[in-house]
């Protein structure tokens, strides 16, 4: 599964996935988790 996910992420990057924005989303979720 991890190999398939890795390929999926590469495909999404080709479609415009912005890792910086995804990282920001994860950080925001982490703030909620800390609460």
ModelCIF file with pLDDT and N, C-alpha, C, O atoms, coordinates in Angstrom:
data_MODEL
#
_entry.id   MODEL 
#
_entity.id                         1 
_entity.type                       polymer 
_entity.pdbx_number_of_molecules   1 
#
_entity_poly.entity_id                      1 
_entity_poly.type                           'polypeptide(L)' 
_entity_poly.nstd_linkage                   no 
_entity_poly.nstd_monomer                   no 
_entity_poly.pdbx_seq_one_letter_code       
;(UNK)(UNK)(UNK)(UNK)(UNK)(UNK)(UNK)(UNK)(UNK)(UNK)(UNK)(UNK)(UNK)(UNK)(UNK)(UNK)
(UNK)(UNK)(UNK)(UNK)(UNK)(UNK)(UNK)(UNK)(UNK)(UNK)(UNK)(UNK)(UNK)(UNK)(UNK)(UNK)
(UNK)(UNK)(UNK)
;
_entity_poly.pdbx_seq_one_letter_code_can   XXXXXXXXXXXXXXXXXXXXXXXXXXXXXXXXXXX 
_entity_poly.pdbx_strand_id                 A 
#
loop_
_entity_poly_seq.entity_id 
_entity_poly_seq.num 
_entity_poly_seq.mon_id 
_entity_poly_seq.hetero 
1 1  UNK n 
1 2  UNK n 
1 3  UNK n 
1 4  UNK n 
1 5  UNK n 
1 6  UNK n 
1 7  UNK n 
1 8  UNK n 
1 9  UNK n 
1 10 UNK n 
1 11 UNK n 
1 12 UNK n 
1 13 UNK n 
1 14 UNK n 
1 15 UNK n 
1 16 UNK n 
1 17 UNK n 
1 18 UNK n 
1 19 UNK n 
1 20 UNK n 
1 21 UNK n 
1 22 UNK n 
1 23 UNK n 
1 24 UNK n 
1 25 UNK n 
1 26 UNK n 
1 27 UNK n 
1 28 UNK n 
1 29 UNK n 
1 30 UNK n 
1 31 UNK n 
1 32 UNK n 
1 33 UNK n 
1 34 UNK n 
1 35 UNK n 
#
_struct_asym.id          A 
_struct_asym.entity_id   1 
#
loop_
_ma_qa_metric.id 
_ma_qa_metric.mode 
_ma_qa_metric.name 
_ma_qa_metric.software_group_id 
_ma_qa_metric.type 
1 global pLDDT . pLDDT 
2 local  pLDDT . pLDDT 
#
_ma_qa_metric_global.metric_id      1 
_ma_qa_metric_global.metric_value   84.66 
_ma_qa_metric_global.model_id       1 
_ma_qa_metric_global.ordinal_id     1 
#
loop_
_ma_qa_metric_local.label_asym_id 
_ma_qa_metric_local.label_comp_id 
_ma_qa_metric_local.label_seq_id 
_ma_qa_metric_local.metric_id 
_ma_qa_metric_local.metric_value 
_ma_qa_metric_local.model_id 
_ma_qa_metric_local.ordinal_id 
A UNK 1  2 80.00 1 1  
A UNK 2  2 79.00 1 2  
A UNK 3  2 82.00 1 3  
A UNK 4  2 89.00 1 4  
A UNK 5  2 86.00 1 5  
A UNK 6  2 83.00 1 6  
A UNK 7  2 86.00 1 7  
A UNK 8  2 86.00 1 8  
A UNK 9  2 84.00 1 9  
A UNK 10 2 83.00 1 10 
A UNK 11 2 84.00 1 11 
A UNK 12 2 84.00 1 12 
A UNK 13 2 80.00 1 13 
A UNK 14 2 83.00 1 14 
A UNK 15 2 82.00 1 15 
A UNK 16 2 82.00 1 16 
A UNK 17 2 79.00 1 17 
A UNK 18 2 82.00 1 18 
A UNK 19 2 78.00 1 19 
A UNK 20 2 81.00 1 20 
A UNK 21 2 83.00 1 21 
A UNK 22 2 83.00 1 22 
A UNK 23 2 81.00 1 23 
A UNK 24 2 85.00 1 24 
A UNK 25 2 87.00 1 25 
A UNK 26 2 84.00 1 26 
A UNK 27 2 85.00 1 27 
A UNK 28 2 91.00 1 28 
A UNK 29 2 90.00 1 29 
A UNK 30 2 87.00 1 30 
A UNK 31 2 90.00 1 31 
A UNK 32 2 91.00 1 32 
A UNK 33 2 90.00 1 33 
A UNK 34 2 90.00 1 34 
A UNK 35 2 93.00 1 35 
#
loop_
_atom_site.group_PDB 
_atom_site.id 
_atom_site.type_symbol 
_atom_site.label_atom_id 
_atom_site.label_alt_id 
_atom_site.label_comp_id 
_atom_site.label_asym_id 
_atom_site.label_entity_id 
_atom_site.label_seq_id 
_atom_site.pdbx_PDB_ins_code 
_atom_site.Cartn_x 
_atom_site.Cartn_y 
_atom_site.Cartn_z 
_atom_site.occupancy 
_atom_site.B_iso_or_equiv 
_atom_site.pdbx_formal_charge 
_atom_site.auth_seq_id 
_atom_site.auth_comp_id 
_atom_site.auth_asym_id 
_atom_site.auth_atom_id 
_atom_site.pdbx_PDB_model_num 
ATOM 1   N N  . UNK A 1 1  ? 0.816  -1.214 0.000   1.00 80.00 ? 1  UNK A N  1 
ATOM 2   C CA . UNK A 1 1  ? 0.000  0.000  0.000   1.00 80.00 ? 1  UNK A CA 1 
ATOM 3   C C  . UNK A 1 1  ? 0.850  1.265  0.000   1.00 80.00 ? 1  UNK A C  1 
ATOM 4   O O  . UNK A 1 1  ? 0.544  2.217  -0.718  1.00 80.00 ? 1  UNK A O  1 
ATOM 5   N N  . UNK A 1 2  ? 1.926  1.281  0.809   1.00 79.00 ? 2  UNK A N  1 
ATOM 6   C CA . UNK A 1 2  ? 2.749  2.492  0.892   1.00 79.00 ? 2  UNK A CA 1 
ATOM 7   C C  . UNK A 1 2  ? 3.355  2.837  -0.466  1.00 79.00 ? 2  UNK A C  1 
ATOM 8   O O  . UNK A 1 2  ? 3.471  4.014  -0.807  1.00 79.00 ? 2  UNK A O  1 
ATOM 9   N N  . UNK A 1 3  ? 3.738  1.836  -1.236  1.00 82.00 ? 3  UNK A N  1 
ATOM 10  C CA . UNK A 1 3  ? 4.301  2.081  -2.566  1.00 82.00 ? 3  UNK A CA 1 
ATOM 11  C C  . UNK A 1 3  ? 3.248  2.680  -3.494  1.00 82.00 ? 3  UNK A C  1 
ATOM 12  O O  . UNK A 1 3  ? 3.543  3.565  -4.298  1.00 82.00 ? 3  UNK A O  1 
ATOM 13  N N  . UNK A 1 4  ? 2.011  2.184  -3.372  1.00 89.00 ? 4  UNK A N  1 
ATOM 14  C CA . UNK A 1 4  ? 0.926  2.720  -4.199  1.00 89.00 ? 4  UNK A CA 1 
ATOM 15  C C  . UNK A 1 4  ? 0.603  4.158  -3.801  1.00 89.00 ? 4  UNK A C  1 
ATOM 16  O O  . UNK A 1 4  ? 0.318  4.995  -4.658  1.00 89.00 ? 4  UNK A O  1 
ATOM 17  N N  . UNK A 1 5  ? 0.647  4.440  -2.502  1.00 86.00 ? 5  UNK A N  1 
ATOM 18  C CA . UNK A 1 5  ? 0.390  5.797  -2.019  1.00 86.00 ? 5  UNK A CA 1 
ATOM 19  C C  . UNK A 1 5  ? 1.482  6.739  -2.518  1.00 86.00 ? 5  UNK A C  1 
ATOM 20  O O  . UNK A 1 5  ? 1.209  7.872  -2.913  1.00 86.00 ? 5  UNK A O  1 
ATOM 21  N N  . UNK A 1 6  ? 2.721  6.254  -2.494  1.00 83.00 ? 6  UNK A N  1 
ATOM 22  C CA . UNK A 1 6  ? 3.846  7.078  -2.972  1.00 83.00 ? 6  UNK A CA 1 
ATOM 23  C C  . UNK A 1 6  ? 3.650  7.447  -4.443  1.00 83.00 ? 6  UNK A C  1 
ATOM 24  O O  . UNK A 1 6  ? 3.909  8.583  -4.841  1.00 83.00 ? 6  UNK A O  1 
ATOM 25  N N  . UNK A 1 7  ? 3.197  6.494  -5.241  1.00 86.00 ? 7  UNK A N  1 
ATOM 26  C CA . UNK A 1 7  ? 2.936  6.749  -6.656  1.00 86.00 ? 7  UNK A CA 1 
ATOM 27  C C  . UNK A 1 7  ? 1.762  7.723  -6.814  1.00 86.00 ? 7  UNK A C  1 
ATOM 28  O O  . UNK A 1 7  ? 1.787  8.605  -7.672  1.00 86.00 ? 7  UNK A O  1 
ATOM 29  N N  . UNK A 1 8  ? 0.732  7.550  -5.972  1.00 86.00 ? 8  UNK A N  1 
ATOM 30  C CA . UNK A 1 8  ? -0.428 8.436  -6.014  1.00 86.00 ? 8  UNK A CA 1 
ATOM 31  C C  . UNK A 1 8  ? -0.017 9.882  -5.735  1.00 86.00 ? 8  UNK A C  1 
ATOM 32  O O  . UNK A 1 8  ? -0.487 10.807 -6.398  1.00 86.00 ? 8  UNK A O  1 
ATOM 33  N N  . UNK A 1 9  ? 0.849  10.065 -4.767  1.00 84.00 ? 9  UNK A N  1 
ATOM 34  C CA . UNK A 1 9  ? 1.302  11.418 -4.421  1.00 84.00 ? 9  UNK A CA 1 
ATOM 35  C C  . UNK A 1 9  ? 2.058  12.051 -5.583  1.00 84.00 ? 9  UNK A C  1 
ATOM 36  O O  . UNK A 1 9  ? 1.891  13.237 -5.869  1.00 84.00 ? 9  UNK A O  1 
ATOM 37  N N  . UNK A 1 10 ? 2.882  11.262 -6.245  1.00 83.00 ? 10 UNK A N  1 
ATOM 38  C CA . UNK A 1 10 ? 3.600  11.771 -7.428  1.00 83.00 ? 10 UNK A CA 1 
ATOM 39  C C  . UNK A 1 10 ? 2.613  12.185 -8.514  1.00 83.00 ? 10 UNK A C  1 
ATOM 40  O O  . UNK A 1 10 ? 2.792  13.219 -9.158  1.00 83.00 ? 10 UNK A O  1 
ATOM 41  N N  . UNK A 1 11 ? 1.572  11.380 -8.717  1.00 84.00 ? 11 UNK A N  1 
ATOM 42  C CA . UNK A 1 11 ? 0.552  11.704 -9.710  1.00 84.00 ? 11 UNK A CA 1 
ATOM 43  C C  . UNK A 1 11 ? -0.187 12.985 -9.324  1.00 84.00 ? 11 UNK A C  1 
ATOM 44  O O  . UNK A 1 11 ? -0.485 13.819 -10.180 1.00 84.00 ? 11 UNK A O  1 
ATOM 45  N N  . UNK A 1 12 ? -0.480 13.136 -8.024  1.00 84.00 ? 12 UNK A N  1 
ATOM 46  C CA . UNK A 1 12 ? -1.180 14.329 -7.560  1.00 84.00 ? 12 UNK A CA 1 
ATOM 47  C C  . UNK A 1 12 ? -0.313 15.576 -7.702  1.00 84.00 ? 12 UNK A C  1 
ATOM 48  O O  . UNK A 1 12 ? -0.816 16.667 -7.970  1.00 84.00 ? 12 UNK A O  1 
ATOM 49  N N  . UNK A 1 13 ? 0.989  15.403 -7.519  1.00 80.00 ? 13 UNK A N  1 
ATOM 50  C CA . UNK A 1 13 ? 1.905  16.531 -7.713  1.00 80.00 ? 13 UNK A CA 1 
ATOM 51  C C  . UNK A 1 13 ? 1.872  17.000 -9.166  1.00 80.00 ? 13 UNK A C  1 
ATOM 52  O O  . UNK A 1 13 ? 1.931  18.197 -9.448  1.00 80.00 ? 13 UNK A O  1 
ATOM 53  N N  . UNK A 1 14 ? 1.779  16.052 -10.065 1.00 83.00 ? 14 UNK A N  1 
ATOM 54  C CA . UNK A 1 14 ? 1.688  16.400 -11.490 1.00 83.00 ? 14 UNK A CA 1 
ATOM 55  C C  . UNK A 1 14 ? 0.387  17.117 -11.807 1.00 83.00 ? 14 UNK A C  1 
ATOM 56  O O  . UNK A 1 14 ? 0.282  17.848 -12.792 1.00 83.00 ? 14 UNK A O  1 
ATOM 57  N N  . UNK A 1 15 ? -0.622 16.888 -10.934 1.00 82.00 ? 15 UNK A N  1 
ATOM 58  C CA . UNK A 1 15 ? -1.923 17.537 -11.119 1.00 82.00 ? 15 UNK A CA 1 
ATOM 59  C C  . UNK A 1 15 ? -2.041 18.831 -10.319 1.00 82.00 ? 15 UNK A C  1 
ATOM 60  O O  . UNK A 1 15 ? -3.091 19.474 -10.300 1.00 82.00 ? 15 UNK A O  1 
ATOM 61  N N  . UNK A 1 16 ? -0.944 19.199 -9.662  1.00 82.00 ? 16 UNK A N  1 
ATOM 62  C CA . UNK A 1 16 ? -0.943 20.484 -8.956  1.00 82.00 ? 16 UNK A CA 1 
ATOM 63  C C  . UNK A 1 16 ? -0.979 20.420 -7.446  1.00 82.00 ? 16 UNK A C  1 
ATOM 64  O O  . UNK A 1 16 ? -1.195 21.446 -6.801  1.00 82.00 ? 16 UNK A O  1 
ATOM 65  N N  . UNK A 1 17 ? -0.773 19.243 -6.854  1.00 79.00 ? 17 UNK A N  1 
ATOM 66  C CA . UNK A 1 17 ? -0.749 19.150 -5.394  1.00 79.00 ? 17 UNK A CA 1 
ATOM 67  C C  . UNK A 1 17 ? 0.356  20.041 -4.835  1.00 79.00 ? 17 UNK A C  1 
ATOM 68  O O  . UNK A 1 17 ? 1.513  19.930 -5.241  1.00 79.00 ? 17 UNK A O  1 
ATOM 69  N N  . UNK A 1 18 ? 0.007  20.904 -3.924  1.00 82.00 ? 18 UNK A N  1 
ATOM 70  C CA . UNK A 1 18 ? 0.957  21.811 -3.284  1.00 82.00 ? 18 UNK A CA 1 
ATOM 71  C C  . UNK A 1 18 ? 1.314  21.244 -1.904  1.00 82.00 ? 18 UNK A C  1 
ATOM 72  O O  . UNK A 1 18 ? 0.500  21.289 -0.982  1.00 82.00 ? 18 UNK A O  1 
ATOM 73  N N  . UNK A 1 19 ? 2.521  20.716 -1.771  1.00 78.00 ? 19 UNK A N  1 
ATOM 74  C CA . UNK A 1 19 ? 2.926  20.091 -0.517  1.00 78.00 ? 19 UNK A CA 1 
ATOM 75  C C  . UNK A 1 19 ? 2.980  21.093 0.635   1.00 78.00 ? 19 UNK A C  1 
ATOM 76  O O  . UNK A 1 19 ? 2.740  20.736 1.788   1.00 78.00 ? 19 UNK A O  1 
ATOM 77  N N  . UNK A 1 20 ? 3.296  22.349 0.315   1.00 81.00 ? 20 UNK A N  1 
ATOM 78  C CA . UNK A 1 20 ? 3.359  23.360 1.366   1.00 81.00 ? 20 UNK A CA 1 
ATOM 79  C C  . UNK A 1 20 ? 1.977  23.598 1.965   1.00 81.00 ? 20 UNK A C  1 
ATOM 80  O O  . UNK A 1 20 ? 1.840  23.753 3.178   1.00 81.00 ? 20 UNK A O  1 
ATOM 81  N N  . UNK A 1 21 ? 0.943  23.626 1.103   1.00 83.00 ? 21 UNK A N  1 
ATOM 82  C CA . UNK A 1 21 ? -0.421 23.823 1.597   1.00 83.00 ? 21 UNK A CA 1 
ATOM 83  C C  . UNK A 1 21 ? -0.897 22.596 2.376   1.00 83.00 ? 21 UNK A C  1 
ATOM 84  O O  . UNK A 1 21 ? -1.606 22.719 3.374   1.00 83.00 ? 21 UNK A O  1 
ATOM 85  N N  . UNK A 1 22 ? -0.495 21.406 1.904   1.00 83.00 ? 22 UNK A N  1 
ATOM 86  C CA . UNK A 1 22 ? -0.855 20.187 2.620   1.00 83.00 ? 22 UNK A CA 1 
ATOM 87  C C  . UNK A 1 22 ? -0.186 20.164 3.988   1.00 83.00 ? 22 UNK A C  1 
ATOM 88  O O  . UNK A 1 22 ? -0.790 19.751 4.977   1.00 83.00 ? 22 UNK A O  1 
ATOM 89  N N  . UNK A 1 23 ? 1.057  20.608 4.033   1.00 81.00 ? 23 UNK A N  1 
ATOM 90  C CA . UNK A 1 23 ? 1.784  20.680 5.297   1.00 81.00 ? 23 UNK A CA 1 
ATOM 91  C C  . UNK A 1 23 ? 1.088  21.651 6.250   1.00 81.00 ? 23 UNK A C  1 
ATOM 92  O O  . UNK A 1 23 ? 1.028  21.400 7.453   1.00 81.00 ? 23 UNK A O  1 
ATOM 93  N N  . UNK A 1 24 ? 0.559  22.764 5.716   1.00 85.00 ? 24 UNK A N  1 
ATOM 94  C CA . UNK A 1 24 ? -0.167 23.737 6.534   1.00 85.00 ? 24 UNK A CA 1 
ATOM 95  C C  . UNK A 1 24 ? -1.443 23.114 7.085   1.00 85.00 ? 24 UNK A C  1 
ATOM 96  O O  . UNK A 1 24 ? -1.807 23.346 8.238   1.00 85.00 ? 24 UNK A O  1 
ATOM 97  N N  . UNK A 1 25 ? -2.122 22.322 6.257   1.00 87.00 ? 25 UNK A N  1 
ATOM 98  C CA . UNK A 1 25 ? -3.337 21.626 6.706   1.00 87.00 ? 25 UNK A CA 1 
ATOM 99  C C  . UNK A 1 25 ? -3.024 20.694 7.873   1.00 87.00 ? 25 UNK A C  1 
ATOM 100 O O  . UNK A 1 25 ? -3.752 20.663 8.865   1.00 87.00 ? 25 UNK A O  1 
ATOM 101 N N  . UNK A 1 26 ? -1.934 19.935 7.748   1.00 84.00 ? 26 UNK A N  1 
ATOM 102 C CA . UNK A 1 26 ? -1.532 19.011 8.807   1.00 84.00 ? 26 UNK A CA 1 
ATOM 103 C C  . UNK A 1 26 ? -1.191 19.775 10.084  1.00 84.00 ? 26 UNK A C  1 
ATOM 104 O O  . UNK A 1 26 ? -1.519 19.324 11.181  1.00 84.00 ? 26 UNK A O  1 
ATOM 105 N N  . UNK A 1 27 ? -0.535 20.928 9.949   1.00 85.00 ? 27 UNK A N  1 
ATOM 106 C CA . UNK A 1 27 ? -0.194 21.740 11.123  1.00 85.00 ? 27 UNK A CA 1 
ATOM 107 C C  . UNK A 1 27 ? -1.455 22.248 11.818  1.00 85.00 ? 27 UNK A C  1 
ATOM 108 O O  . UNK A 1 27 ? -1.528 22.265 13.047  1.00 85.00 ? 27 UNK A O  1 
ATOM 109 N N  . UNK A 1 28 ? -2.457 22.665 11.018  1.00 91.00 ? 28 UNK A N  1 
ATOM 110 C CA . UNK A 1 28 ? -3.709 23.145 11.601  1.00 91.00 ? 28 UNK A CA 1 
ATOM 111 C C  . UNK A 1 28 ? -4.445 22.022 12.337  1.00 91.00 ? 28 UNK A C  1 
ATOM 112 O O  . UNK A 1 28 ? -5.015 22.231 13.408  1.00 91.00 ? 28 UNK A O  1 
ATOM 113 N N  . UNK A 1 29 ? -4.420 20.826 11.738  1.00 90.00 ? 29 UNK A N  1 
ATOM 114 C CA . UNK A 1 29 ? -5.038 19.672 12.389  1.00 90.00 ? 29 UNK A CA 1 
ATOM 115 C C  . UNK A 1 29 ? -4.308 19.340 13.687  1.00 90.00 ? 29 UNK A C  1 
ATOM 116 O O  . UNK A 1 29 ? -4.927 18.942 14.674  1.00 90.00 ? 29 UNK A O  1 
ATOM 117 N N  . UNK A 1 30 ? -2.991 19.508 13.675  1.00 87.00 ? 30 UNK A N  1 
ATOM 118 C CA . UNK A 1 30 ? -2.201 19.227 14.875  1.00 87.00 ? 30 UNK A CA 1 
ATOM 119 C C  . UNK A 1 30 ? -2.582 20.177 16.016  1.00 87.00 ? 30 UNK A C  1 
ATOM 120 O O  . UNK A 1 30 ? -2.622 19.771 17.178  1.00 87.00 ? 30 UNK A O  1 
ATOM 121 N N  . UNK A 1 31 ? -2.863 21.441 15.682  1.00 90.00 ? 31 UNK A N  1 
ATOM 122 C CA . UNK A 1 31 ? -3.279 22.400 16.718  1.00 90.00 ? 31 UNK A CA 1 
ATOM 123 C C  . UNK A 1 31 ? -4.583 21.948 17.370  1.00 90.00 ? 31 UNK A C  1 
ATOM 124 O O  . UNK A 1 31 ? -4.731 22.015 18.590  1.00 90.00 ? 31 UNK A O  1 
ATOM 125 N N  . UNK A 1 32 ? -5.531 21.487 16.546  1.00 91.00 ? 32 UNK A N  1 
ATOM 126 C CA . UNK A 1 32 ? -6.795 20.975 17.083  1.00 91.00 ? 32 UNK A CA 1 
ATOM 127 C C  . UNK A 1 32 ? -6.549 19.738 17.934  1.00 91.00 ? 32 UNK A C  1 
ATOM 128 O O  . UNK A 1 32 ? -7.178 19.558 18.977  1.00 91.00 ? 32 UNK A O  1 
ATOM 129 N N  . UNK A 1 33 ? -5.640 18.895 17.489  1.00 90.00 ? 33 UNK A N  1 
ATOM 130 C CA . UNK A 1 33 ? -5.304 17.672 18.221  1.00 90.00 ? 33 UNK A CA 1 
ATOM 131 C C  . UNK A 1 33 ? -4.692 17.996 19.583  1.00 90.00 ? 33 UNK A C  1 
ATOM 132 O O  . UNK A 1 33 ? -4.982 17.327 20.575  1.00 90.00 ? 33 UNK A O  1 
ATOM 133 N N  . UNK A 1 34 ? -3.846 19.023 19.624  1.00 90.00 ? 34 UNK A N  1 
ATOM 134 C CA . UNK A 1 34 ? -3.226 19.427 20.885  1.00 90.00 ? 34 UNK A CA 1 
ATOM 135 C C  . UNK A 1 34 ? -4.275 19.877 21.893  1.00 90.00 ? 34 UNK A C  1 
ATOM 136 O O  . UNK A 1 34 ? -4.141 19.636 23.093  1.00 90.00 ? 34 UNK A O  1 
ATOM 137 N N  . UNK A 1 35 ? -5.330 20.538 21.391  1.00 93.00 ? 35 UNK A N  1 
ATOM 138 C CA . UNK A 1 35 ? -6.406 20.969 22.277  1.00 93.00 ? 35 UNK A CA 1 
ATOM 139 C C  . UNK A 1 35 ? -7.122 19.787 22.918  1.00 93.00 ? 35 UNK A C  1 
ATOM 140 O O  . UNK A 1 35 ? -8.058 19.978 23.694  1.00 93.00 ? 35 UNK A O  1 
#
